[in-house]
Amino acid sequence: MGVTESGRRNIWLIDLQSGTETQITNSDNAQSPAWSPDGTWITYGDLAEDGRFLIRKVDLATSEHTDLYSAEVPVSPTSVHPDGDSILFLEHSANADASILRASDGTITQLFRTDWAEDSVTWSPDGTMIVYGSDRTGAQEVYVMDVADRTEVQISSTGGQLPTWAKSGRQVVYRNTADLLFTAATLRRQPRLQVVDRRTMFTAAPFWVGLPDTIRRPTAVWWVFAIGTPTIRPTRFT
């Protein structure tokens, strides 16, 4: 996770069983960490001393940091493909646009270049689809794209944000911005990509005090959020 302390922003690991905290960057501007599928390295955004914006990776076994990409505008990695090579990231210029970086050779593939702002761009567990948020309709909504043919479907209907894949890849969970309900949308890909069911998981209204975050490890996904009290309540789904 990213932690800002005394004006410095760095990436830390927290062992959920022991509570041990480990700082893995020593920077002023490290942000947007994303796990590799095998859990052996983490990619993150950073700012070089010469003003270039970087996407970097850190090997957790050796603590070696490697520059993968540099840009003239802020960049934020968001998700690593199951192949361990293709990194989704956002470029924050006039709008937040999404691209794919191949870590092995530095190749960039443009995914979105629009007049709208995209966010929360994340690979599906099998790497064949992407979920993301966009304000293209004038309101923030959640969409899923099939990477092979670029077909897509709108997941939310009354505003949505903070989408997260279920481990099975058949569901996307998001926060409904109209009523703060957390909704699980079930997908079907044949004969076409479509939403076949939406079900409310739980609600944080009216005691919502903070945005949820996801803790992604290769074995599980947890949503962590606070409702009404300082108590952190994790909810797991598959």
C-alpha atoms as a PDB file:
ATOM      1  CA  MET A   1       0.000   0.000   0.000  1.00  0.00           C
ATOM      2  CA  GLY A   2       1.054   3.639  -0.423  1.00  0.00           C
ATOM      3  CA  VAL A   3       1.736   5.670   2.715  1.00  0.00           C
ATOM      4  CA  THR A   4       2.404   9.421   2.904  1.00  0.00           C
ATOM      5  CA  GLU A   5       4.429  10.564   5.911  1.00  0.00           C
ATOM      6  CA  SER A   6       5.980  14.004   6.416  1.00  0.00           C
ATOM      7  CA  GLY A   7       5.327  14.816   2.773  1.00  0.00           C
ATOM      8  CA  ARG A   8       7.050  11.649   1.511  1.00  0.00           C
ATOM      9  CA  ARG A   9       5.046   8.927  -0.219  1.00  0.00           C
ATOM     10  CA  ASN A  10       6.330   5.352  -0.150  1.00  0.00           C
ATOM     11  CA  ILE A  11       5.172   1.773  -0.649  1.00  0.00           C
ATOM     12  CA  TRP A  12       4.862  -0.553   2.328  1.00  0.00           C
ATOM     13  CA  LEU A  13       4.002  -4.219   2.778  1.00  0.00           C
ATOM     14  CA  ILE A  14       1.896  -5.398   5.702  1.00  0.00           C
ATOM     15  CA  ASP A  15       1.800  -9.079   6.652  1.00  0.00           C
ATOM     16  CA  LEU A  16      -1.851  -9.622   7.552  1.00  0.00           C
ATOM     17  CA  GLN A  17      -1.058 -12.533   9.867  1.00  0.00           C
ATOM     18  CA  SER A  18       1.848 -11.109  11.849  1.00  0.00           C
ATOM     19  CA  GLY A  19       1.141  -7.403  11.367  1.00  0.00           C
ATOM     20  CA  THR A  20       4.757  -6.834  10.292  1.00  0.00           C
ATOM     21  CA  GLU A  21       5.259  -3.687   8.212  1.00  0.00           C
ATOM     22  CA  THR A  22       8.064  -3.454   5.625  1.00  0.00           C
ATOM     23  CA  GLN A  23       8.955  -0.328   3.644  1.00  0.00           C
ATOM     24  CA  ILE A  24       9.978  -1.332   0.118  1.00  0.00           C
ATOM     25  CA  THR A  25      10.644   2.064  -1.501  1.00  0.00           C
ATOM     26  CA  ASN A  26      12.696   5.048  -0.393  1.00  0.00           C
ATOM     27  CA  SER A  27      11.210   7.882  -2.405  1.00  0.00           C
ATOM     28  CA  ASP A  28       9.182  11.070  -2.152  1.00  0.00           C
ATOM     29  CA  ASN A  29       6.584  10.093  -4.741  1.00  0.00           C
ATOM     30  CA  ALA A  30       6.120   6.298  -4.918  1.00  0.00           C
ATOM     31  CA  GLN A  31       2.459   5.422  -5.539  1.00  0.00           C
ATOM     32  CA  SER A  32      -0.048   3.038  -7.166  1.00  0.00           C
ATOM     33  CA  PRO A  33       1.493  -0.344  -6.287  1.00  0.00           C
ATOM     34  CA  ALA A  34       0.269  -3.447  -8.160  1.00  0.00           C
ATOM     35  CA  TRP A  35       1.215  -7.081  -7.465  1.00  0.00           C
ATOM     36  CA  SER A  36       2.731  -9.463  -9.977  1.00  0.00           C
ATOM     37  CA  PRO A  37       0.610 -12.626 -10.379  1.00  0.00           C
ATOM     38  CA  ASP A  38       3.156 -14.804  -8.551  1.00  0.00           C
ATOM     39  CA  GLY A  39       3.632 -12.299  -5.724  1.00  0.00           C
ATOM     40  CA  THR A  40       7.401 -11.994  -6.270  1.00  0.00           C
ATOM     41  CA  TRP A  41       7.503  -8.364  -7.417  1.00  0.00           C
ATOM     42  CA  ILE A  42       5.490  -5.158  -7.315  1.00  0.00           C
ATOM     43  CA  THR A  43       5.214  -2.427  -9.928  1.00  0.00           C
ATOM     44  CA  TYR A  44       4.599   1.175  -8.911  1.00  0.00           C
ATOM     45  CA  GLY A  45       4.710   4.767 -10.124  1.00  0.00           C
ATOM     46  CA  ASP A  46       7.511   7.135  -9.115  1.00  0.00           C
ATOM     47  CA  LEU A  47       9.104  10.489  -9.931  1.00  0.00           C
ATOM     48  CA  ALA A  48      12.765  10.699 -10.978  1.00  0.00           C
ATOM     49  CA  GLU A  49      15.081  13.453  -9.768  1.00  0.00           C
ATOM     50  CA  ASP A  50      15.157  14.929 -13.291  1.00  0.00           C
ATOM     51  CA  GLY A  51      11.357  15.292 -13.306  1.00  0.00           C
ATOM     52  CA  ARG A  52      10.509  12.261 -15.434  1.00  0.00           C
ATOM     53  CA  PHE A  53       7.582  10.141 -14.325  1.00  0.00           C
ATOM     54  CA  LEU A  54       8.436   6.465 -13.989  1.00  0.00           C
ATOM     55  CA  ILE A  55       6.884   3.030 -13.842  1.00  0.00           C
ATOM     56  CA  ARG A  56       9.212   0.836 -11.814  1.00  0.00           C
ATOM     57  CA  LYS A  57       9.264  -2.657 -10.346  1.00  0.00           C
ATOM     58  CA  VAL A  58      10.843  -4.014  -7.194  1.00  0.00           C
ATOM     59  CA  ASP A  59      11.907  -7.623  -6.731  1.00  0.00           C
ATOM     60  CA  LEU A  60      10.779  -8.574  -3.226  1.00  0.00           C
ATOM     61  CA  ALA A  61      13.499 -11.195  -2.796  1.00  0.00           C
ATOM     62  CA  THR A  62      16.448  -8.981  -3.769  1.00  0.00           C
ATOM     63  CA  SER A  63      14.967  -5.470  -3.172  1.00  0.00           C
ATOM     64  CA  GLU A  64      16.267  -4.554  -6.638  1.00  0.00           C
ATOM     65  CA  HIS A  65      14.382  -1.691  -8.321  1.00  0.00           C
ATOM     66  CA  THR A  66      14.150  -1.537 -12.134  1.00  0.00           C
ATOM     67  CA  ASP A  67      12.852   1.284 -14.326  1.00  0.00           C
ATOM     68  CA  LEU A  68      10.348  -0.038 -16.867  1.00  0.00           C
ATOM     69  CA  TYR A  69       9.012   3.143 -18.492  1.00  0.00           C
ATOM     70  CA  SER A  70       9.401   6.915 -18.317  1.00  0.00           C
ATOM     71  CA  ALA A  71       6.967   9.630 -19.401  1.00  0.00           C
ATOM     72  CA  GLU A  72       6.520  13.402 -19.407  1.00  0.00           C
ATOM     73  CA  VAL A  73       3.173  13.155 -17.568  1.00  0.00           C
ATOM     74  CA  PRO A  74       2.259  11.300 -14.364  1.00  0.00           C
ATOM     75  CA  VAL A  75       1.761   7.544 -14.859  1.00  0.00           C
ATOM     76  CA  SER A  76       0.155   5.022 -12.515  1.00  0.00           C
ATOM     77  CA  PRO A  77       0.304   1.245 -12.947  1.00  0.00           C
ATOM     78  CA  THR A  78      -3.006  -0.375 -12.037  1.00  0.00           C
ATOM     79  CA  SER A  79      -2.833  -4.114 -12.796  1.00  0.00           C
ATOM     80  CA  VAL A  80      -0.457  -6.845 -14.000  1.00  0.00           C
ATOM     81  CA  HIS A  81      -1.642  -9.462 -16.515  1.00  0.00           C
ATOM     82  CA  PRO A  82      -1.604 -13.127 -15.421  1.00  0.00           C
ATOM     83  CA  ASP A  83       1.292 -13.633 -17.873  1.00  0.00           C
ATOM     84  CA  GLY A  84       3.397 -11.446 -15.562  1.00  0.00           C
ATOM     85  CA  ASP A  85       4.433  -9.179 -18.424  1.00  0.00           C
ATOM     86  CA  SER A  86       1.610  -6.873 -19.560  1.00  0.00           C
ATOM     87  CA  ILE A  87       1.061  -3.982 -17.142  1.00  0.00           C
ATOM     88  CA  LEU A  88      -2.021  -1.787 -17.380  1.00  0.00           C
ATOM     89  CA  PHE A  89      -1.315   1.835 -16.516  1.00  0.00           C
ATOM     90  CA  LEU A  90      -2.926   5.271 -16.665  1.00  0.00           C
ATOM     91  CA  GLU A  91      -1.392   8.423 -18.142  1.00  0.00           C
ATOM     92  CA  HIS A  92      -2.682  11.509 -16.353  1.00  0.00           C
ATOM     93  CA  SER A  93      -2.602  14.269 -18.964  1.00  0.00           C
ATOM     94  CA  ALA A  94      -5.724  16.175 -20.047  1.00  0.00           C
ATOM     95  CA  ASN A  95      -7.657  13.000 -19.304  1.00  0.00           C
ATOM     96  CA  ALA A  96      -6.659   9.751 -17.638  1.00  0.00           C
ATOM     97  CA  ASP A  97      -5.988   7.392 -20.571  1.00  0.00           C
ATOM     98  CA  ALA A  98      -5.040   3.712 -20.346  1.00  0.00           C
ATOM     99  CA  SER A  99      -2.209   1.830 -22.068  1.00  0.00           C
ATOM    100  CA  ILE A 100      -0.459  -1.530 -21.752  1.00  0.00           C
ATOM    101  CA  LEU A 101       3.276  -1.776 -21.012  1.00  0.00           C
ATOM    102  CA  ARG A 102       5.161  -4.992 -21.786  1.00  0.00           C
ATOM    103  CA  ALA A 103       7.699  -5.215 -18.988  1.00  0.00           C
ATOM    104  CA  SER A 104       9.946  -7.558 -20.985  1.00  0.00           C
ATOM    105  CA  ASP A 105      10.706  -5.140 -23.839  1.00  0.00           C
ATOM    106  CA  GLY A 106       9.113  -1.769 -22.985  1.00  0.00           C
ATOM    107  CA  THR A 107       6.533  -1.952 -25.801  1.00  0.00           C
ATOM    108  CA  ILE A 108       3.504   0.333 -25.282  1.00  0.00           C
ATOM    109  CA  THR A 109       0.037  -0.478 -26.653  1.00  0.00           C
ATOM    110  CA  GLN A 110      -2.561   2.254 -26.399  1.00  0.00           C
ATOM    111  CA  LEU A 111      -5.827   0.997 -24.933  1.00  0.00           C
ATOM    112  CA  PHE A 112      -7.900   4.170 -24.532  1.00  0.00           C
ATOM    113  CA  ARG A 113      -7.303   7.640 -25.903  1.00  0.00           C
ATOM    114  CA  THR A 114     -10.576   9.441 -25.314  1.00  0.00           C
ATOM    115  CA  ASP A 115     -12.079  12.754 -24.275  1.00  0.00           C
ATOM    116  CA  TRP A 116     -13.157  11.139 -20.997  1.00  0.00           C
ATOM    117  CA  ALA A 117     -11.303  10.053 -17.886  1.00  0.00           C
ATOM    118  CA  GLU A 118     -10.788   6.346 -17.211  1.00  0.00           C
ATOM    119  CA  ASP A 119      -9.795   4.801 -13.896  1.00  0.00           C
ATOM    120  CA  SER A 120      -9.570   1.500 -11.978  1.00  0.00           C
ATOM    121  CA  VAL A 121      -8.349  -0.326 -15.105  1.00  0.00           C
ATOM    122  CA  THR A 122      -7.841  -3.969 -14.115  1.00  0.00           C
ATOM    123  CA  TRP A 123      -7.181  -7.295 -15.864  1.00  0.00           C
ATOM    124  CA  SER A 124      -9.625 -10.129 -15.311  1.00  0.00           C
ATOM    125  CA  PRO A 125      -8.151 -13.191 -13.534  1.00  0.00           C
ATOM    126  CA  ASP A 126      -7.713 -15.006 -16.870  1.00  0.00           C
ATOM    127  CA  GLY A 127      -6.369 -11.913 -18.652  1.00  0.00           C
ATOM    128  CA  THR A 128      -9.020 -11.888 -21.397  1.00  0.00           C
ATOM    129  CA  MET A 129     -11.097  -8.947 -20.136  1.00  0.00           C
ATOM    130  CA  ILE A 130     -10.562  -5.548 -18.561  1.00  0.00           C
ATOM    131  CA  VAL A 131     -12.802  -3.718 -16.115  1.00  0.00           C
ATOM    132  CA  TYR A 132     -12.590   0.053 -15.831  1.00  0.00           C
ATOM    133  CA  GLY A 133     -14.472   3.176 -14.820  1.00  0.00           C
ATOM    134  CA  SER A 134     -15.303   6.030 -17.189  1.00  0.00           C
ATOM    135  CA  ASP A 135     -17.249   9.287 -17.102  1.00  0.00           C
ATOM    136  CA  ARG A 136     -18.136   9.140 -20.814  1.00  0.00           C
ATOM    137  CA  THR A 137     -21.880   9.483 -20.097  1.00  0.00           C
ATOM    138  CA  GLY A 138     -21.398  12.448 -17.789  1.00  0.00           C
ATOM    139  CA  ALA A 139     -21.576  10.158 -14.755  1.00  0.00           C
ATOM    140  CA  GLN A 140     -18.999   7.683 -13.489  1.00  0.00           C
ATOM    141  CA  GLU A 141     -19.931   4.166 -14.635  1.00  0.00           C
ATOM    142  CA  VAL A 142     -18.238   0.757 -14.747  1.00  0.00           C
ATOM    143  CA  TYR A 143     -17.503  -1.110 -17.982  1.00  0.00           C
ATOM    144  CA  VAL A 144     -15.987  -4.453 -19.008  1.00  0.00           C
ATOM    145  CA  MET A 145     -14.104  -4.913 -22.277  1.00  0.00           C
ATOM    146  CA  ASP A 146     -13.237  -8.139 -24.087  1.00  0.00           C
ATOM    147  CA  VAL A 147      -9.602  -7.587 -25.040  1.00  0.00           C
ATOM    148  CA  ALA A 148      -9.690  -9.800 -28.153  1.00  0.00           C
ATOM    149  CA  ASP A 149     -12.388  -7.947 -30.096  1.00  0.00           C
ATOM    150  CA  ARG A 150     -12.723  -4.747 -28.000  1.00  0.00           C
ATOM    151  CA  THR A 151     -16.442  -5.338 -27.431  1.00  0.00           C
ATOM    152  CA  GLU A 152     -17.633  -3.956 -24.130  1.00  0.00           C
ATOM    153  CA  VAL A 153     -20.632  -3.797 -21.847  1.00  0.00           C
ATOM    154  CA  GLN A 154     -21.679  -1.240 -19.236  1.00  0.00           C
ATOM    155  CA  ILE A 155     -21.808  -2.992 -15.862  1.00  0.00           C
ATOM    156  CA  SER A 156     -23.355  -0.303 -13.651  1.00  0.00           C
ATOM    157  CA  SER A 157     -26.583   1.485 -14.470  1.00  0.00           C
ATOM    158  CA  THR A 158     -27.000   4.273 -11.886  1.00  0.00           C
ATOM    159  CA  GLY A 159     -23.381   5.252 -11.319  1.00  0.00           C
ATOM    160  CA  GLY A 160     -20.508   2.999 -10.320  1.00  0.00           C
ATOM    161  CA  GLN A 161     -16.922   3.139  -9.151  1.00  0.00           C
ATOM    162  CA  LEU A 162     -14.114   1.100  -7.555  1.00  0.00           C
ATOM    163  CA  PRO A 163     -14.693  -2.118  -9.538  1.00  0.00           C
ATOM    164  CA  THR A 164     -12.960  -5.323  -8.467  1.00  0.00           C
ATOM    165  CA  TRP A 165     -12.952  -8.758 -10.095  1.00  0.00           C
ATOM    166  CA  ALA A 166     -14.101 -11.842  -8.246  1.00  0.00           C
ATOM    167  CA  LYS A 167     -11.463 -14.567  -8.334  1.00  0.00           C
ATOM    168  CA  SER A 168     -13.622 -16.637 -10.701  1.00  0.00           C
ATOM    169  CA  GLY A 169     -13.680 -13.822 -13.269  1.00  0.00           C
ATOM    170  CA  ARG A 170     -17.436 -14.231 -13.641  1.00  0.00           C
ATOM    171  CA  GLN A 171     -18.373 -11.323 -11.375  1.00  0.00           C
ATOM    172  CA  VAL A 172     -17.414  -7.695 -10.909  1.00  0.00           C
ATOM    173  CA  VAL A 173     -18.115  -5.988  -7.605  1.00  0.00           C
ATOM    174  CA  TYR A 174     -18.476  -2.203  -7.572  1.00  0.00           C
ATOM    175  CA  ARG A 175     -19.894   0.582  -5.439  1.00  0.00           C
ATOM    176  CA  ASN A 176     -23.149   2.040  -6.702  1.00  0.00           C
ATOM    177  CA  THR A 177     -22.667   5.796  -6.388  1.00  0.00           C
ATOM    178  CA  ALA A 178     -26.409   6.532  -6.236  1.00  0.00           C
ATOM    179  CA  ASP A 179     -27.086   4.737  -2.949  1.00  0.00           C
ATOM    180  CA  LEU A 180     -23.661   3.471  -1.740  1.00  0.00           C
ATOM    181  CA  LEU A 181     -24.715  -0.136  -2.248  1.00  0.00           C
ATOM    182  CA  PHE A 182     -22.032  -2.655  -3.148  1.00  0.00           C
ATOM    183  CA  THR A 183     -23.243  -4.653  -6.121  1.00  0.00           C
ATOM    184  CA  ALA A 184     -21.994  -7.895  -7.682  1.00  0.00           C
ATOM    185  CA  ALA A 185     -22.642  -8.064 -11.434  1.00  0.00           C
ATOM    186  CA  THR A 186     -22.507 -11.522 -13.038  1.00  0.00           C
ATOM    187  CA  LEU A 187     -21.214 -11.734 -16.623  1.00  0.00           C
ATOM    188  CA  ARG A 188     -21.867 -14.104 -19.506  1.00  0.00           C
ATOM    189  CA  ARG A 189     -19.662 -14.125 -22.607  1.00  0.00           C
ATOM    190  CA  GLN A 190     -21.728 -16.260 -24.980  1.00  0.00           C
ATOM    191  CA  PRO A 191     -23.363 -15.560 -27.351  1.00  0.00           C
ATOM    192  CA  ARG A 192     -22.142 -12.050 -26.470  1.00  0.00           C
ATOM    193  CA  LEU A 193     -20.649 -10.239 -23.515  1.00  0.00           C
ATOM    194  CA  GLN A 194     -23.506  -9.229 -21.240  1.00  0.00           C
ATOM    195  CA  VAL A 195     -24.605  -8.726 -17.634  1.00  0.00           C
ATOM    196  CA  VAL A 196     -27.045 -11.462 -16.604  1.00  0.00           C
ATOM    197  CA  ASP A 197     -27.534 -10.599 -12.928  1.00  0.00           C
ATOM    198  CA  ARG A 198     -26.921  -7.802 -10.396  1.00  0.00           C
ATOM    199  CA  ARG A 199     -27.171  -8.435  -6.682  1.00  0.00           C
ATOM    200  CA  THR A 200     -26.592  -6.182  -3.702  1.00  0.00           C
ATOM    201  CA  MET A 201     -23.845  -7.540  -1.445  1.00  0.00           C
ATOM    202  CA  PHE A 202     -24.102  -5.001   1.377  1.00  0.00           C
ATOM    203  CA  THR A 203     -24.508  -1.296   1.996  1.00  0.00           C
ATOM    204  CA  ALA A 204     -22.337   1.219   3.795  1.00  0.00           C
ATOM    205  CA  ALA A 205     -25.040   3.908   3.860  1.00  0.00           C
ATOM    206  CA  PRO A 206     -25.604   6.050   5.823  1.00  0.00           C
ATOM    207  CA  PHE A 207     -22.382   5.559   7.791  1.00  0.00           C
ATOM    208  CA  TRP A 208     -19.851   5.618   4.980  1.00  0.00           C
ATOM    209  CA  VAL A 209     -16.639   7.253   6.171  1.00  0.00           C
ATOM    210  CA  GLY A 210     -14.009   6.113   3.701  1.00  0.00           C
ATOM    211  CA  LEU A 211     -13.389   4.602   0.298  1.00  0.00           C
ATOM    212  CA  PRO A 212     -12.739   0.879   0.061  1.00  0.00           C
ATOM    213  CA  ASP A 213      -9.437  -0.514  -1.039  1.00  0.00           C
ATOM    214  CA  THR A 214      -8.513  -3.926  -2.333  1.00  0.00           C
ATOM    215  CA  ILE A 215      -5.645  -5.987  -1.027  1.00  0.00           C
ATOM    216  CA  ARG A 216      -4.634  -8.206  -3.923  1.00  0.00           C
ATOM    217  CA  ARG A 217      -2.512 -11.287  -3.398  1.00  0.00           C
ATOM    218  CA  PRO A 218      -2.262 -14.257  -5.749  1.00  0.00           C
ATOM    219  CA  THR A 219      -4.500 -16.322  -3.463  1.00  0.00           C
ATOM    220  CA  ALA A 220      -7.373 -14.020  -2.497  1.00  0.00           C
ATOM    221  CA  VAL A 221      -9.045 -10.649  -2.780  1.00  0.00           C
ATOM    222  CA  TRP A 222     -10.298  -8.715   0.228  1.00  0.00           C
ATOM    223  CA  TRP A 223     -12.279  -5.506   0.385  1.00  0.00           C
ATOM    224  CA  VAL A 224     -11.315  -3.365   3.341  1.00  0.00           C
ATOM    225  CA  PHE A 225     -13.543  -0.524   4.453  1.00  0.00           C
ATOM    226  CA  ALA A 226     -14.704   1.380   7.522  1.00  0.00           C
ATOM    227  CA  ILE A 227     -18.365   1.920   8.336  1.00  0.00           C
ATOM    228  CA  GLY A 228     -19.387   4.155  11.179  1.00  0.00           C
ATOM    229  CA  THR A 229     -16.602   3.185  13.589  1.00  0.00           C
ATOM    230  CA  PRO A 230     -12.802   2.973  13.504  1.00  0.00           C
ATOM    231  CA  THR A 231     -13.137  -0.799  13.084  1.00  0.00           C
ATOM    232  CA  ILE A 232     -11.836  -2.164   9.772  1.00  0.00           C
ATOM    233  CA  ARG A 233     -14.143  -4.869   8.472  1.00  0.00           C
ATOM    234  CA  PRO A 234     -12.832  -7.089   5.659  1.00  0.00           C
ATOM    235  CA  THR A 235     -15.206  -8.924   3.353  1.00  0.00           C
ATOM    236  CA  ARG A 236     -13.966 -11.737   1.148  1.00  0.00           C
ATOM    237  CA  PHE A 237     -15.520 -12.929  -2.074  1.00  0.00           C
ATOM    238  CA  THR A 238     -14.466 -15.425  -4.730  1.00  0.00           C
END
